Amino acid sequence: MAETCYFTADAVEELRACLQGVLELSREAFERLPDGLSISPVDPTGVVECLQSLRLGSEYVLGGYQSRAGSNGYGCVVAVLAGEELPPPEDCSWRPVEVAPGLVLDEPLPPRALDHFMDAFRGDGSARAYLEASIVCRELMEFGAVWHGCDWVTHAVLDADPFVAGALADTLAPGDGPASDESEWTWRRRPEEWRPSVTLHEGGGAEVRFISHSGLGREILYAHRDTFAPGCLRPESERAIIATGPAGYVF
């Protein structure tokens, strides 16, 4: 029988804050980088400091590349064998990767690197492990994103209806979540359950669900669904719009 566990938005946002702190590239360091692609000065292996139920397999480490085009930037993370030096991007093969919904970029893949960095992680099988896999995957997918390269960082995870009296103050930091009246919104469907959840399947694998708000471009509420095959910590991710509001902001 499947078992479902629930988490708070605070727990998810605390994890995100830790991961973002580890992965942050300072403005000063970014401006010192040459235009084009180079090895990142940020070590993404540091994300393990934020994880309770995930770890990296002993045979792998994470490495990062950083692209700079003026004031814009994006990066990518790869999992390589421990003890091997991360090669410069010109010594890598290249492949297209969807780094955000609708945004596909060519990324370097070093020789003998894993096809996906999440394949380097090992979990303890708990609901927390799958929640961490969902969140760390998103944070690493947005590694090195600067200005127009940002997407996931604009989302705030919810665990209650933000239009119900008191819910906004209880679940979101000031400035996060819908800044407009509900009369300005159009619903496609209203969730019965807002809390982030992890469902562990009897035969192995799991499903992670959560809802987020982003004001990038337009205020939108999204429903996210990650599915994990048995023995795999690489999620198959889907996100659907459940409500749209007025115009938001642009970077």
C-alpha atoms as a PDB file:
ATOM      1  CA  MET A   1       0.000   0.000   0.000  1.00  0.00           C
ATOM      2  CA  ALA A   2       1.253   3.499  -0.849  1.00  0.00           C
ATOM      3  CA  GLU A   3       2.198   5.771   2.054  1.00  0.00           C
ATOM      4  CA  THR A   4       1.919   9.565   1.830  1.00  0.00           C
ATOM      5  CA  CYS A   5       3.897  11.954   4.027  1.00  0.00           C
ATOM      6  CA  TYR A   6       3.348  15.703   4.255  1.00  0.00           C
ATOM      7  CA  PHE A   7       5.820  18.540   4.774  1.00  0.00           C
ATOM      8  CA  THR A   8       5.565  22.235   5.553  1.00  0.00           C
ATOM      9  CA  ALA A   9       6.473  25.041   3.185  1.00  0.00           C
ATOM     10  CA  ASP A  10       8.882  26.296   5.855  1.00  0.00           C
ATOM     11  CA  ALA A  11      10.804  23.004   5.740  1.00  0.00           C
ATOM     12  CA  VAL A  12      11.106  23.188   1.954  1.00  0.00           C
ATOM     13  CA  GLU A  13      12.119  26.848   1.960  1.00  0.00           C
ATOM     14  CA  GLU A  14      14.691  26.221   4.698  1.00  0.00           C
ATOM     15  CA  LEU A  15      16.264  23.528   2.503  1.00  0.00           C
ATOM     16  CA  ARG A  16      16.194  25.847  -0.510  1.00  0.00           C
ATOM     17  CA  ALA A  17      17.830  28.675   1.434  1.00  0.00           C
ATOM     18  CA  CYS A  18      20.655  26.390   2.522  1.00  0.00           C
ATOM     19  CA  LEU A  19      21.221  25.080  -1.004  1.00  0.00           C
ATOM     20  CA  GLN A  20      21.120  28.545  -2.533  1.00  0.00           C
ATOM     21  CA  GLY A  21      23.624  29.793   0.023  1.00  0.00           C
ATOM     22  CA  VAL A  22      26.059  27.003  -0.878  1.00  0.00           C
ATOM     23  CA  LEU A  23      25.604  27.507  -4.633  1.00  0.00           C
ATOM     24  CA  GLU A  24      25.637  31.305  -4.655  1.00  0.00           C
ATOM     25  CA  LEU A  25      28.042  33.005  -7.046  1.00  0.00           C
ATOM     26  CA  SER A  26      28.769  36.509  -5.801  1.00  0.00           C
ATOM     27  CA  ARG A  27      28.338  39.449  -8.146  1.00  0.00           C
ATOM     28  CA  GLU A  28      32.029  40.281  -7.748  1.00  0.00           C
ATOM     29  CA  ALA A  29      33.106  36.743  -8.697  1.00  0.00           C
ATOM     30  CA  PHE A  30      30.708  36.707 -11.649  1.00  0.00           C
ATOM     31  CA  GLU A  31      32.037  39.998 -12.993  1.00  0.00           C
ATOM     32  CA  ARG A  32      35.614  38.673 -12.840  1.00  0.00           C
ATOM     33  CA  LEU A  33      34.733  35.776 -15.168  1.00  0.00           C
ATOM     34  CA  PRO A  34      35.496  36.024 -18.883  1.00  0.00           C
ATOM     35  CA  ASP A  35      32.642  36.054 -21.359  1.00  0.00           C
ATOM     36  CA  GLY A  36      31.789  32.591 -22.605  1.00  0.00           C
ATOM     37  CA  LEU A  37      31.964  29.303 -20.712  1.00  0.00           C
ATOM     38  CA  SER A  38      34.529  28.406 -18.069  1.00  0.00           C
ATOM     39  CA  ILE A  39      34.896  26.228 -14.980  1.00  0.00           C
ATOM     40  CA  SER A  40      32.836  27.721 -12.160  1.00  0.00           C
ATOM     41  CA  PRO A  41      34.561  29.016  -9.025  1.00  0.00           C
ATOM     42  CA  VAL A  42      31.643  27.515  -7.037  1.00  0.00           C
ATOM     43  CA  ASP A  43      31.906  23.862  -5.946  1.00  0.00           C
ATOM     44  CA  PRO A  44      28.414  22.318  -6.214  1.00  0.00           C
ATOM     45  CA  THR A  45      29.493  19.297  -4.142  1.00  0.00           C
ATOM     46  CA  GLY A  46      28.826  21.538  -1.143  1.00  0.00           C
ATOM     47  CA  VAL A  47      25.090  20.828  -1.432  1.00  0.00           C
ATOM     48  CA  VAL A  48      25.619  17.672   0.636  1.00  0.00           C
ATOM     49  CA  GLU A  49      26.007  19.931   3.698  1.00  0.00           C
ATOM     50  CA  CYS A  50      22.278  20.766   3.402  1.00  0.00           C
ATOM     51  CA  LEU A  51      20.965  17.212   2.957  1.00  0.00           C
ATOM     52  CA  GLN A  52      19.761  14.877   5.688  1.00  0.00           C
ATOM     53  CA  SER A  53      18.647  11.819   3.711  1.00  0.00           C
ATOM     54  CA  LEU A  54      20.719  12.057   0.517  1.00  0.00           C
ATOM     55  CA  ARG A  55      24.430  11.692  -0.040  1.00  0.00           C
ATOM     56  CA  LEU A  56      26.785  11.447  -2.981  1.00  0.00           C
ATOM     57  CA  GLY A  57      28.111   8.036  -3.859  1.00  0.00           C
ATOM     58  CA  SER A  58      31.738   7.785  -2.745  1.00  0.00           C
ATOM     59  CA  GLU A  59      32.931   7.372  -6.325  1.00  0.00           C
ATOM     60  CA  TYR A  60      31.547  10.694  -7.564  1.00  0.00           C
ATOM     61  CA  VAL A  61      31.892  14.425  -7.025  1.00  0.00           C
ATOM     62  CA  LEU A  62      30.028  17.311  -8.618  1.00  0.00           C
ATOM     63  CA  GLY A  63      31.624  19.941 -10.814  1.00  0.00           C
ATOM     64  CA  GLY A  64      30.226  23.107 -12.335  1.00  0.00           C
ATOM     65  CA  TYR A  65      30.605  25.244 -15.427  1.00  0.00           C
ATOM     66  CA  GLN A  66      29.630  28.907 -15.648  1.00  0.00           C
ATOM     67  CA  SER A  67      28.672  30.897 -18.712  1.00  0.00           C
ATOM     68  CA  ARG A  68      28.735  34.682 -18.833  1.00  0.00           C
ATOM     69  CA  ALA A  69      27.282  36.886 -21.567  1.00  0.00           C
ATOM     70  CA  GLY A  70      27.552  40.442 -20.309  1.00  0.00           C
ATOM     71  CA  SER A  71      25.217  40.702 -17.302  1.00  0.00           C
ATOM     72  CA  ASN A  72      23.477  37.378 -18.058  1.00  0.00           C
ATOM     73  CA  GLY A  73      24.665  33.979 -17.017  1.00  0.00           C
ATOM     74  CA  TYR A  74      23.801  30.335 -16.714  1.00  0.00           C
ATOM     75  CA  GLY A  75      25.669  27.287 -15.521  1.00  0.00           C
ATOM     76  CA  CYS A  76      25.519  23.536 -15.438  1.00  0.00           C
ATOM     77  CA  VAL A  77      26.453  20.769 -13.035  1.00  0.00           C
ATOM     78  CA  VAL A  78      28.060  17.441 -13.921  1.00  0.00           C
ATOM     79  CA  ALA A  79      28.893  14.333 -11.888  1.00  0.00           C
ATOM     80  CA  VAL A  80      32.431  13.097 -12.487  1.00  0.00           C
ATOM     81  CA  LEU A  81      34.612  10.405 -10.984  1.00  0.00           C
ATOM     82  CA  ALA A  82      36.239  11.388  -7.703  1.00  0.00           C
ATOM     83  CA  GLY A  83      39.911  12.193  -8.128  1.00  0.00           C
ATOM     84  CA  GLU A  84      39.570  13.280 -11.752  1.00  0.00           C
ATOM     85  CA  GLU A  85      40.149  16.930 -12.598  1.00  0.00           C
ATOM     86  CA  LEU A  86      37.198  18.703 -14.185  1.00  0.00           C
ATOM     87  CA  PRO A  87      38.227  19.288 -17.820  1.00  0.00           C
ATOM     88  CA  PRO A  88      37.815  22.677 -19.518  1.00  0.00           C
ATOM     89  CA  PRO A  89      34.650  22.965 -21.594  1.00  0.00           C
ATOM     90  CA  GLU A  90      36.562  22.739 -24.894  1.00  0.00           C
ATOM     91  CA  ASP A  91      37.598  19.180 -23.971  1.00  0.00           C
ATOM     92  CA  CYS A  92      33.973  18.061 -23.471  1.00  0.00           C
ATOM     93  CA  SER A  93      31.269  16.778 -25.734  1.00  0.00           C
ATOM     94  CA  TRP A  94      28.104  18.880 -25.929  1.00  0.00           C
ATOM     95  CA  ARG A  95      24.414  18.109 -25.674  1.00  0.00           C
ATOM     96  CA  PRO A  96      21.113  20.027 -25.501  1.00  0.00           C
ATOM     97  CA  VAL A  97      19.488  20.196 -22.047  1.00  0.00           C
ATOM     98  CA  GLU A  98      16.150  21.725 -21.038  1.00  0.00           C
ATOM     99  CA  VAL A  99      17.258  23.833 -18.080  1.00  0.00           C
ATOM    100  CA  ALA A 100      13.828  25.409 -17.528  1.00  0.00           C
ATOM    101  CA  PRO A 101      10.435  24.838 -19.128  1.00  0.00           C
ATOM    102  CA  GLY A 102      10.841  25.871 -22.765  1.00  0.00           C
ATOM    103  CA  LEU A 103      14.529  26.846 -22.388  1.00  0.00           C
ATOM    104  CA  VAL A 104      17.037  24.467 -24.007  1.00  0.00           C
ATOM    105  CA  LEU A 105      20.770  25.165 -23.846  1.00  0.00           C
ATOM    106  CA  ASP A 106      23.841  23.296 -25.035  1.00  0.00           C
ATOM    107  CA  GLU A 107      25.868  22.048 -22.070  1.00  0.00           C
ATOM    108  CA  PRO A 108      29.286  20.385 -21.815  1.00  0.00           C
ATOM    109  CA  LEU A 109      29.559  16.740 -20.743  1.00  0.00           C
ATOM    110  CA  PRO A 110      33.050  15.644 -19.662  1.00  0.00           C
ATOM    111  CA  PRO A 111      34.391  12.225 -20.667  1.00  0.00           C
ATOM    112  CA  ARG A 112      33.152   9.471 -18.299  1.00  0.00           C
ATOM    113  CA  ALA A 113      30.725  11.855 -16.570  1.00  0.00           C
ATOM    114  CA  LEU A 114      27.318  10.487 -15.638  1.00  0.00           C
ATOM    115  CA  ASP A 115      24.469  11.244 -17.999  1.00  0.00           C
ATOM    116  CA  HIS A 116      22.670  13.136 -15.200  1.00  0.00           C
ATOM    117  CA  PHE A 117      24.120  14.507 -11.956  1.00  0.00           C
ATOM    118  CA  MET A 118      21.227  13.068  -9.898  1.00  0.00           C
ATOM    119  CA  ASP A 119      22.469   9.564 -10.755  1.00  0.00           C
ATOM    120  CA  ALA A 120      25.403  10.235  -8.406  1.00  0.00           C
ATOM    121  CA  PHE A 121      23.136  10.554  -5.344  1.00  0.00           C
ATOM    122  CA  ARG A 122      22.163   7.805  -2.934  1.00  0.00           C
ATOM    123  CA  GLY A 123      19.136   7.988  -0.634  1.00  0.00           C
ATOM    124  CA  ASP A 124      17.953   6.238   2.502  1.00  0.00           C
ATOM    125  CA  GLY A 125      14.561   5.387   0.969  1.00  0.00           C
ATOM    126  CA  SER A 126      12.638   7.813   3.170  1.00  0.00           C
ATOM    127  CA  ALA A 127      10.039  10.358   2.084  1.00  0.00           C
ATOM    128  CA  ARG A 128      12.525  13.072   3.073  1.00  0.00           C
ATOM    129  CA  ALA A 129      15.084  11.629   0.628  1.00  0.00           C
ATOM    130  CA  TYR A 130      12.692  12.029  -2.305  1.00  0.00           C
ATOM    131  CA  LEU A 131      11.685  15.525  -1.242  1.00  0.00           C
ATOM    132  CA  GLU A 132      15.356  16.485  -1.058  1.00  0.00           C
ATOM    133  CA  ALA A 133      15.948  14.921  -4.485  1.00  0.00           C
ATOM    134  CA  SER A 134      13.170  17.037  -6.001  1.00  0.00           C
ATOM    135  CA  ILE A 135      14.482  20.259  -4.514  1.00  0.00           C
ATOM    136  CA  VAL A 136      18.222  19.727  -4.969  1.00  0.00           C
ATOM    137  CA  CYS A 137      17.634  18.733  -8.598  1.00  0.00           C
ATOM    138  CA  ARG A 138      15.869  22.041  -9.258  1.00  0.00           C
ATOM    139  CA  GLU A 139      18.519  24.073  -7.478  1.00  0.00           C
ATOM    140  CA  LEU A 140      21.322  22.350  -9.414  1.00  0.00           C
ATOM    141  CA  MET A 141      19.466  22.765 -12.706  1.00  0.00           C
ATOM    142  CA  GLU A 142      19.505  26.526 -12.040  1.00  0.00           C
ATOM    143  CA  PHE A 143      23.169  26.520 -10.983  1.00  0.00           C
ATOM    144  CA  GLY A 144      24.893  29.710 -12.131  1.00  0.00           C
ATOM    145  CA  ALA A 145      21.732  31.392 -13.414  1.00  0.00           C
ATOM    146  CA  VAL A 146      22.043  35.171 -13.423  1.00  0.00           C
ATOM    147  CA  TRP A 147      19.419  37.744 -14.431  1.00  0.00           C
ATOM    148  CA  HIS A 148      17.477  36.476 -17.469  1.00  0.00           C
ATOM    149  CA  GLY A 149      18.668  32.937 -16.745  1.00  0.00           C
ATOM    150  CA  CYS A 150      16.608  32.738 -13.519  1.00  0.00           C
ATOM    151  CA  ASP A 151      13.314  30.849 -13.160  1.00  0.00           C
ATOM    152  CA  TRP A 152      13.059  28.478 -10.178  1.00  0.00           C
ATOM    153  CA  VAL A 153      14.515  31.039  -7.784  1.00  0.00           C
ATOM    154  CA  THR A 154      11.389  33.174  -8.329  1.00  0.00           C
ATOM    155  CA  HIS A 155       9.088  30.452  -6.944  1.00  0.00           C
ATOM    156  CA  ALA A 156       7.799  30.321  -3.376  1.00  0.00           C
ATOM    157  CA  VAL A 157       6.520  26.947  -2.162  1.00  0.00           C
ATOM    158  CA  LEU A 158       3.086  27.039  -0.481  1.00  0.00           C
ATOM    159  CA  ASP A 159       1.344  24.787   2.019  1.00  0.00           C
ATOM    160  CA  ALA A 160      -1.977  26.648   2.305  1.00  0.00           C
ATOM    161  CA  ASP A 161      -4.352  28.568   0.074  1.00  0.00           C
ATOM    162  CA  PRO A 162      -2.727  32.028  -0.150  1.00  0.00           C
ATOM    163  CA  PHE A 163      -6.113  33.744  -0.521  1.00  0.00           C
ATOM    164  CA  VAL A 164      -7.546  32.327   2.704  1.00  0.00           C
ATOM    165  CA  ALA A 165      -7.370  34.818   5.562  1.00  0.00           C
ATOM    166  CA  GLY A 166      -4.094  34.449   7.412  1.00  0.00           C
ATOM    167  CA  ALA A 167      -2.585  31.827   5.134  1.00  0.00           C
ATOM    168  CA  LEU A 168      -0.295  34.258   3.344  1.00  0.00           C
ATOM    169  CA  ALA A 169       1.185  35.578   6.583  1.00  0.00           C
ATOM    170  CA  ASP A 170       1.591  32.072   7.969  1.00  0.00           C
ATOM    171  CA  THR A 171       3.245  30.426   4.962  1.00  0.00           C
ATOM    172  CA  LEU A 172       5.199  33.055   3.056  1.00  0.00           C
ATOM    173  CA  ALA A 173       7.968  35.510   3.717  1.00  0.00           C
ATOM    174  CA  PRO A 174       7.119  39.187   3.194  1.00  0.00           C
ATOM    175  CA  GLY A 175       6.988  39.978  -0.501  1.00  0.00           C
ATOM    176  CA  ASP A 176       6.407  36.366  -1.582  1.00  0.00           C
ATOM    177  CA  GLY A 177       3.123  35.009  -2.866  1.00  0.00           C
ATOM    178  CA  PRO A 178       0.257  36.788  -4.609  1.00  0.00           C
ATOM    179  CA  ALA A 179       0.370  40.538  -4.160  1.00  0.00           C
ATOM    180  CA  SER A 180      -3.043  41.034  -5.780  1.00  0.00           C
ATOM    181  CA  ASP A 181      -6.663  40.450  -4.853  1.00  0.00           C
ATOM    182  CA  GLU A 182      -8.219  37.104  -5.737  1.00  0.00           C
ATOM    183  CA  SER A 183     -10.755  38.878  -7.958  1.00  0.00           C
ATOM    184  CA  GLU A 184      -7.877  39.491 -10.399  1.00  0.00           C
ATOM    185  CA  TRP A 185      -7.166  35.759 -10.717  1.00  0.00           C
ATOM    186  CA  THR A 186      -8.542  33.006 -12.945  1.00  0.00           C
ATOM    187  CA  TRP A 187      -8.605  29.465 -11.576  1.00  0.00           C
ATOM    188  CA  ARG A 188      -8.194  26.345 -13.683  1.00  0.00           C
ATOM    189  CA  ARG A 189      -8.592  24.150 -10.623  1.00  0.00           C
ATOM    190  CA  ARG A 190      -8.379  24.767  -6.896  1.00  0.00           C
ATOM    191  CA  PRO A 191      -6.357  22.173  -4.976  1.00  0.00           C
ATOM    192  CA  GLU A 192      -7.914  20.267  -2.106  1.00  0.00           C
ATOM    193  CA  GLU A 193      -4.451  19.692  -0.617  1.00  0.00           C
ATOM    194  CA  TRP A 194      -1.791  22.401  -0.572  1.00  0.00           C
ATOM    195  CA  ARG A 195       0.902  20.797   1.561  1.00  0.00           C
ATOM    196  CA  PRO A 196       4.021  19.390  -0.137  1.00  0.00           C
ATOM    197  CA  SER A 197       3.698  15.608  -0.149  1.00  0.00           C
ATOM    198  CA  VAL A 198       5.706  12.483  -0.889  1.00  0.00           C
ATOM    199  CA  THR A 199       3.971   9.222  -1.715  1.00  0.00           C
ATOM    200  CA  LEU A 200       6.124   6.109  -1.338  1.00  0.00           C
ATOM    201  CA  HIS A 201       4.987   3.277  -3.586  1.00  0.00           C
ATOM    202  CA  GLU A 202       4.853  -0.266  -2.288  1.00  0.00           C
ATOM    203  CA  GLY A 203       6.918  -1.609  -5.192  1.00  0.00           C
ATOM    204  CA  GLY A 204       9.539   1.129  -4.896  1.00  0.00           C
ATOM    205  CA  GLY A 205       9.797   4.615  -6.283  1.00  0.00           C
ATOM    206  CA  ALA A 206       7.855   7.669  -5.209  1.00  0.00           C
ATOM    207  CA  GLU A 207       5.845  10.700  -6.252  1.00  0.00           C
ATOM    208  CA  VAL A 208       6.489  14.220  -4.970  1.00  0.00           C
ATOM    209  CA  ARG A 209       3.872  16.965  -5.264  1.00  0.00           C
ATOM    210  CA  PHE A 210       3.921  20.622  -4.248  1.00  0.00           C
ATOM    211  CA  ILE A 211       2.452  23.983  -5.245  1.00  0.00           C
ATOM    212  CA  SER A 212       4.378  27.190  -5.849  1.00  0.00           C
ATOM    213  CA  HIS A 213       3.793  30.833  -6.704  1.00  0.00           C
ATOM    214  CA  SER A 214       5.918  32.867  -9.104  1.00  0.00           C
ATOM    215  CA  GLY A 215       5.468  36.462 -10.197  1.00  0.00           C
ATOM    216  CA  LEU A 216       7.957  36.227 -13.078  1.00  0.00           C
ATOM    217  CA  GLY A 217       6.246  37.763 -16.082  1.00  0.00           C
ATOM    218  CA  ARG A 218       2.790  37.066 -14.676  1.00  0.00           C
ATOM    219  CA  GLU A 219       1.576  35.938 -11.270  1.00  0.00           C
ATOM    220  CA  ILE A 220       0.959  32.197 -11.551  1.00  0.00           C
ATOM    221  CA  LEU A 221       0.258  29.303  -9.191  1.00  0.00           C
ATOM    222  CA  TYR A 222       1.881  26.054 -10.338  1.00  0.00           C
ATOM    223  CA  ALA A 223       1.302  22.431  -9.365  1.00  0.00           C
ATOM    224  CA  HIS A 224       4.514  20.379  -9.546  1.00  0.00           C
ATOM    225  CA  ARG A 225       4.653  16.583  -9.818  1.00  0.00           C
ATOM    226  CA  ASP A 226       7.871  14.549  -9.753  1.00  0.00           C
ATOM    227  CA  THR A 227       7.857  10.798 -10.296  1.00  0.00           C
ATOM    228  CA  PHE A 228      10.759   8.548  -9.321  1.00  0.00           C
ATOM    229  CA  ALA A 229      11.226   5.062 -10.732  1.00  0.00           C
ATOM    230  CA  PRO A 230      12.298   2.351  -8.266  1.00  0.00           C
ATOM    231  CA  GLY A 231      15.971   2.695  -7.399  1.00  0.00           C
ATOM    232  CA  CYS A 232      16.279   6.066  -9.168  1.00  0.00           C
ATOM    233  CA  LEU A 233      16.690   9.570  -7.725  1.00  0.00           C
ATOM    234  CA  ARG A 234      16.385  11.352 -11.067  1.00  0.00           C
ATOM    235  CA  PRO A 235      12.860  12.808 -11.189  1.00  0.00           C
ATOM    236  CA  GLU A 236      10.566  12.984 -14.178  1.00  0.00           C
ATOM    237  CA  SER A 237       9.102  16.445 -13.616  1.00  0.00           C
ATOM    238  CA  GLU A 238       5.825  17.998 -14.694  1.00  0.00           C
ATOM    239  CA  ARG A 239       4.339  21.338 -13.797  1.00  0.00           C
ATOM    240  CA  ALA A 240       0.887  22.663 -14.564  1.00  0.00           C
ATOM    241  CA  ILE A 241      -0.679  26.089 -14.174  1.00  0.00           C
ATOM    242  CA  ILE A 242      -3.585  26.025 -11.716  1.00  0.00           C
ATOM    243  CA  ALA A 243      -4.295  29.778 -11.549  1.00  0.00           C
ATOM    244  CA  THR A 244      -3.203  32.956 -13.312  1.00  0.00           C
ATOM    245  CA  GLY A 245      -3.197  36.480 -11.967  1.00  0.00           C
ATOM    246  CA  PRO A 246      -2.207  39.939 -13.146  1.00  0.00           C
ATOM    247  CA  ALA A 247       1.092  41.031 -14.660  1.00  0.00           C
ATOM    248  CA  GLY A 248       4.095  40.371 -12.474  1.00  0.00           C
ATOM    249  CA  TYR A 249       7.686  41.514 -12.916  1.00  0.00           C
ATOM    250  CA  VAL A 250      10.633  40.925 -15.230  1.00  0.00           C
ATOM    251  CA  PHE A 251      14.336  40.653 -14.500  1.00  0.00           C
END
